[in-house]
N, C-alpha and C. Protein backbone atom coordinates (compact mmCIF):
# COMPACT_ATOMS: atom_id res chain seq x y z
N VAL A 1 142.63 225.60 70.05
CA VAL A 1 143.61 224.59 70.40
C VAL A 1 144.22 224.05 69.11
N ARG A 2 145.53 223.99 69.04
CA ARG A 2 146.20 223.43 67.87
C ARG A 2 145.96 221.93 67.82
N ALA A 3 145.97 221.38 66.62
CA ALA A 3 145.66 219.97 66.40
C ALA A 3 146.60 219.04 67.17
N ALA A 4 147.83 219.44 67.34
CA ALA A 4 148.80 218.59 68.04
C ALA A 4 148.43 218.40 69.51
N TYR A 5 147.72 219.37 70.08
CA TYR A 5 147.36 219.31 71.50
C TYR A 5 145.95 218.81 71.75
N LEU A 6 145.19 218.52 70.69
CA LEU A 6 143.81 218.10 70.85
C LEU A 6 143.66 216.80 71.65
N PRO A 7 144.48 215.76 71.41
CA PRO A 7 144.36 214.55 72.25
C PRO A 7 144.60 214.83 73.73
N LEU A 8 145.54 215.72 74.03
CA LEU A 8 145.77 216.07 75.43
C LEU A 8 144.57 216.79 76.03
N CYS A 9 143.93 217.64 75.24
CA CYS A 9 142.71 218.31 75.71
C CYS A 9 141.61 217.30 75.98
N TYR A 10 141.46 216.31 75.09
CA TYR A 10 140.46 215.27 75.31
C TYR A 10 140.75 214.51 76.60
N MET A 11 142.02 214.24 76.87
CA MET A 11 142.36 213.53 78.11
C MET A 11 142.04 214.36 79.34
N VAL A 12 142.32 215.65 79.29
CA VAL A 12 142.03 216.53 80.43
C VAL A 12 140.53 216.62 80.64
N ILE A 13 139.76 216.76 79.56
CA ILE A 13 138.30 216.83 79.67
C ILE A 13 137.76 215.51 80.22
N GLY A 14 138.27 214.37 79.70
CA GLY A 14 137.84 213.07 80.21
C GLY A 14 138.17 212.89 81.68
N LEU A 15 139.32 213.37 82.10
CA LEU A 15 139.71 213.29 83.50
C LEU A 15 138.81 214.18 84.36
N ALA A 16 138.47 215.36 83.84
CA ALA A 16 137.60 216.27 84.57
C ALA A 16 136.18 215.70 84.70
N LEU A 17 135.69 215.05 83.65
CA LEU A 17 134.34 214.47 83.70
C LEU A 17 134.26 213.28 84.64
N ASN A 18 135.38 212.61 84.88
CA ASN A 18 135.42 211.50 85.83
C ASN A 18 135.74 211.97 87.25
N ASN A 19 135.76 213.28 87.47
CA ASN A 19 136.11 213.88 88.76
C ASN A 19 137.50 213.46 89.23
N GLY A 20 138.39 213.16 88.31
CA GLY A 20 139.75 212.80 88.64
C GLY A 20 139.89 211.42 89.25
N GLU A 21 138.83 210.61 89.20
CA GLU A 21 138.86 209.29 89.83
C GLU A 21 139.62 208.26 89.01
N SER A 22 139.54 208.35 87.69
CA SER A 22 140.23 207.37 86.85
C SER A 22 140.70 208.03 85.56
N LEU A 23 141.71 207.45 84.97
CA LEU A 23 142.21 207.94 83.69
C LEU A 23 141.26 207.55 82.58
N PRO A 24 141.08 208.41 81.59
CA PRO A 24 140.23 208.06 80.45
C PRO A 24 140.97 207.09 79.53
N LEU A 25 140.93 205.81 79.86
CA LEU A 25 141.70 204.81 79.12
C LEU A 25 141.28 204.68 77.67
N ASP A 26 140.00 204.94 77.35
CA ASP A 26 139.57 204.85 75.96
C ASP A 26 140.26 205.91 75.11
N ILE A 27 140.46 207.10 75.66
CA ILE A 27 141.13 208.17 74.92
C ILE A 27 142.63 207.86 74.78
N ILE A 28 143.23 207.35 75.86
CA ILE A 28 144.65 206.99 75.81
C ILE A 28 144.86 205.86 74.80
N HIS A 29 143.96 204.87 74.79
CA HIS A 29 144.05 203.77 73.84
C HIS A 29 143.91 204.28 72.40
N GLY A 30 142.97 205.19 72.17
CA GLY A 30 142.78 205.77 70.84
C GLY A 30 144.00 206.54 70.36
N CYS A 31 144.63 207.29 71.26
CA CYS A 31 145.85 208.03 70.91
C CYS A 31 146.97 207.07 70.55
N PHE A 32 147.11 205.99 71.31
CA PHE A 32 148.16 205.01 71.03
C PHE A 32 147.93 204.35 69.67
N VAL A 33 146.70 203.93 69.39
CA VAL A 33 146.40 203.27 68.12
C VAL A 33 146.60 204.24 66.95
N GLY A 34 146.19 205.49 67.12
CA GLY A 34 146.38 206.49 66.07
C GLY A 34 147.85 206.74 65.77
N HIS A 35 148.65 206.86 66.82
CA HIS A 35 150.08 207.06 66.62
C HIS A 35 150.73 205.84 65.99
N LEU A 36 150.33 204.64 66.40
CA LEU A 36 150.87 203.42 65.81
C LEU A 36 150.53 203.31 64.33
N TYR A 37 149.28 203.63 63.97
CA TYR A 37 148.88 203.59 62.56
C TYR A 37 149.68 204.61 61.75
N PHE A 38 149.82 205.83 62.27
CA PHE A 38 150.59 206.85 61.56
C PHE A 38 152.03 206.39 61.35
N TYR A 39 152.63 205.84 62.39
CA TYR A 39 154.02 205.38 62.31
C TYR A 39 154.16 204.29 61.24
N LEU A 40 153.24 203.30 61.26
CA LEU A 40 153.34 202.19 60.31
C LEU A 40 152.98 202.58 58.88
N SER A 41 152.12 203.60 58.71
CA SER A 41 151.70 203.95 57.35
C SER A 41 152.51 205.08 56.73
N VAL A 42 153.21 205.89 57.54
CA VAL A 42 153.95 207.03 56.99
C VAL A 42 155.45 206.92 57.25
N VAL A 43 155.84 206.69 58.48
CA VAL A 43 157.26 206.73 58.85
C VAL A 43 158.01 205.49 58.35
N VAL A 44 157.47 204.31 58.61
CA VAL A 44 158.15 203.07 58.22
C VAL A 44 158.35 202.98 56.70
N PRO A 45 157.35 203.30 55.85
CA PRO A 45 157.60 203.25 54.40
C PRO A 45 158.69 204.21 53.93
N GLN A 46 158.87 205.35 54.61
CA GLN A 46 159.96 206.25 54.25
C GLN A 46 161.31 205.61 54.56
N VAL A 47 161.38 204.89 55.66
CA VAL A 47 162.63 204.23 56.04
C VAL A 47 162.91 203.04 55.13
N LEU A 48 161.85 202.31 54.75
CA LEU A 48 161.99 201.12 53.91
C LEU A 48 161.92 201.45 52.41
N HIS A 49 162.06 202.72 52.06
CA HIS A 49 162.10 203.18 50.67
C HIS A 49 160.84 202.80 49.90
N GLY A 50 159.68 203.11 50.48
CA GLY A 50 158.42 202.95 49.76
C GLY A 50 157.68 201.66 49.98
N ARG A 51 158.24 200.72 50.72
CA ARG A 51 157.55 199.45 50.96
C ARG A 51 156.51 199.64 52.06
N ALA A 52 155.23 199.47 51.72
CA ALA A 52 154.14 199.70 52.66
C ALA A 52 154.03 198.56 53.66
N VAL A 53 153.83 198.91 54.91
CA VAL A 53 153.66 197.92 55.96
C VAL A 53 152.18 197.71 56.25
N VAL A 54 151.42 198.79 56.28
CA VAL A 54 149.99 198.73 56.53
C VAL A 54 149.31 199.74 55.60
N ALA A 55 148.11 199.41 55.16
CA ALA A 55 147.38 200.30 54.27
C ALA A 55 145.92 200.35 54.70
N THR A 56 145.25 201.43 54.36
CA THR A 56 143.83 201.56 54.66
C THR A 56 143.06 200.58 53.80
N PRO A 57 142.10 199.84 54.38
CA PRO A 57 141.32 198.89 53.58
C PRO A 57 140.57 199.59 52.45
N VAL A 58 140.57 198.99 51.27
CA VAL A 58 139.93 199.58 50.09
C VAL A 58 138.45 199.81 50.34
N MET A 59 137.81 198.91 51.10
CA MET A 59 136.39 199.06 51.37
C MET A 59 136.11 200.36 52.15
N LEU A 60 136.98 200.72 53.08
CA LEU A 60 136.81 201.95 53.85
C LEU A 60 137.04 203.17 52.97
N VAL A 61 138.05 203.10 52.10
CA VAL A 61 138.31 204.21 51.17
C VAL A 61 137.12 204.38 50.23
N ASP A 62 136.57 203.27 49.71
CA ASP A 62 135.40 203.34 48.83
C ASP A 62 134.20 203.94 49.55
N LEU A 63 134.00 203.56 50.80
CA LEU A 63 132.87 204.10 51.56
C LEU A 63 133.00 205.60 51.73
N CYS A 64 134.18 206.08 52.10
CA CYS A 64 134.40 207.52 52.26
C CYS A 64 134.23 208.25 50.94
N ASN A 65 134.75 207.68 49.85
CA ASN A 65 134.58 208.31 48.54
C ASN A 65 133.11 208.32 48.13
N TRP A 66 132.37 207.24 48.45
CA TRP A 66 130.95 207.18 48.12
C TRP A 66 130.18 208.25 48.89
N LEU A 67 130.52 208.44 50.17
CA LEU A 67 129.84 209.46 50.98
C LEU A 67 130.12 210.86 50.45
N GLU A 68 131.29 211.06 49.87
CA GLU A 68 131.64 212.37 49.33
C GLU A 68 131.28 212.52 47.86
N GLY A 69 130.76 211.45 47.24
CA GLY A 69 130.33 211.53 45.85
C GLY A 69 131.45 211.47 44.84
N ARG A 70 132.60 210.89 45.22
CA ARG A 70 133.73 210.77 44.30
C ARG A 70 133.79 209.36 43.74
N ALA A 71 134.63 209.16 42.72
CA ALA A 71 134.83 207.83 42.14
C ALA A 71 135.48 206.94 43.18
N HIS A 72 135.18 205.66 43.13
CA HIS A 72 135.74 204.77 44.14
C HIS A 72 136.92 203.99 43.59
N VAL A 73 137.74 203.49 44.52
CA VAL A 73 139.00 202.83 44.20
C VAL A 73 138.78 201.52 43.47
N ALA A 74 137.68 200.85 43.75
CA ALA A 74 137.46 199.50 43.23
C ALA A 74 137.02 199.49 41.76
N ASP A 75 137.04 200.63 41.06
CA ASP A 75 136.69 200.64 39.62
C ASP A 75 137.58 199.67 38.87
N GLY A 76 136.98 198.85 38.04
CA GLY A 76 137.75 197.94 37.22
C GLY A 76 137.98 196.60 37.86
N ARG A 77 137.64 196.42 39.11
CA ARG A 77 137.79 195.13 39.76
C ARG A 77 136.46 194.39 39.74
N ALA A 78 136.53 193.08 39.81
CA ALA A 78 135.31 192.27 39.88
C ALA A 78 134.59 192.58 41.18
N GLY A 79 133.29 192.76 41.11
CA GLY A 79 132.52 193.07 42.30
C GLY A 79 132.37 194.55 42.52
N GLY A 80 133.34 195.34 42.10
CA GLY A 80 133.26 196.79 42.22
C GLY A 80 133.10 197.25 43.64
N GLY A 81 132.47 198.38 43.81
CA GLY A 81 132.24 198.94 45.13
C GLY A 81 130.83 199.50 45.19
N PRO A 82 130.56 200.35 46.13
CA PRO A 82 129.22 200.91 46.23
C PRO A 82 128.91 201.82 45.04
N GLU A 83 127.66 201.89 44.67
CA GLU A 83 127.25 202.77 43.58
C GLU A 83 127.38 204.21 44.02
N LEU A 84 127.88 205.07 43.14
CA LEU A 84 128.03 206.47 43.45
C LEU A 84 126.78 207.24 43.07
N VAL A 85 126.45 208.23 43.88
CA VAL A 85 125.32 209.09 43.59
C VAL A 85 125.82 210.51 43.48
N ASP A 86 125.11 211.33 42.73
CA ASP A 86 125.47 212.74 42.60
C ASP A 86 124.85 213.47 43.78
N VAL A 87 125.67 213.93 44.71
CA VAL A 87 125.15 214.55 45.92
C VAL A 87 124.90 216.04 45.75
N ASP A 88 125.30 216.61 44.64
CA ASP A 88 125.08 218.04 44.38
C ASP A 88 125.50 218.94 45.54
N GLY A 89 126.66 218.67 46.07
CA GLY A 89 127.20 219.53 47.11
C GLY A 89 126.63 219.28 48.50
N VAL A 90 125.88 218.19 48.69
CA VAL A 90 125.28 217.94 49.99
C VAL A 90 126.33 217.52 51.00
N ILE A 91 127.22 216.59 50.65
CA ILE A 91 128.24 216.12 51.58
C ILE A 91 129.61 216.41 50.98
N GLY A 92 130.07 217.60 51.13
CA GLY A 92 131.41 217.99 50.70
C GLY A 92 131.64 217.85 49.21
N GLY A 93 130.63 217.67 48.40
CA GLY A 93 130.80 217.46 46.97
C GLY A 93 130.95 218.70 46.17
């Protein structure tokens, strides 16, 4: 299944698991929020010539970088971020 159709597949599977009794509102809500975030973080800044409307929280970016063993964004700021460990290729490193 191509990535563009994956949310639709999730909806069909959710509908099938509910025996067609109710719509999988959690999946529909997730699709709406994902599309809204993409629109606000990618499309709107292109229209506004680079002015960001919404950005990923630095703490979340640091956490993902820490899990992958990369340097974190908060370097040089007071308080810093999580300590990095050398994962030796364990988690995508």
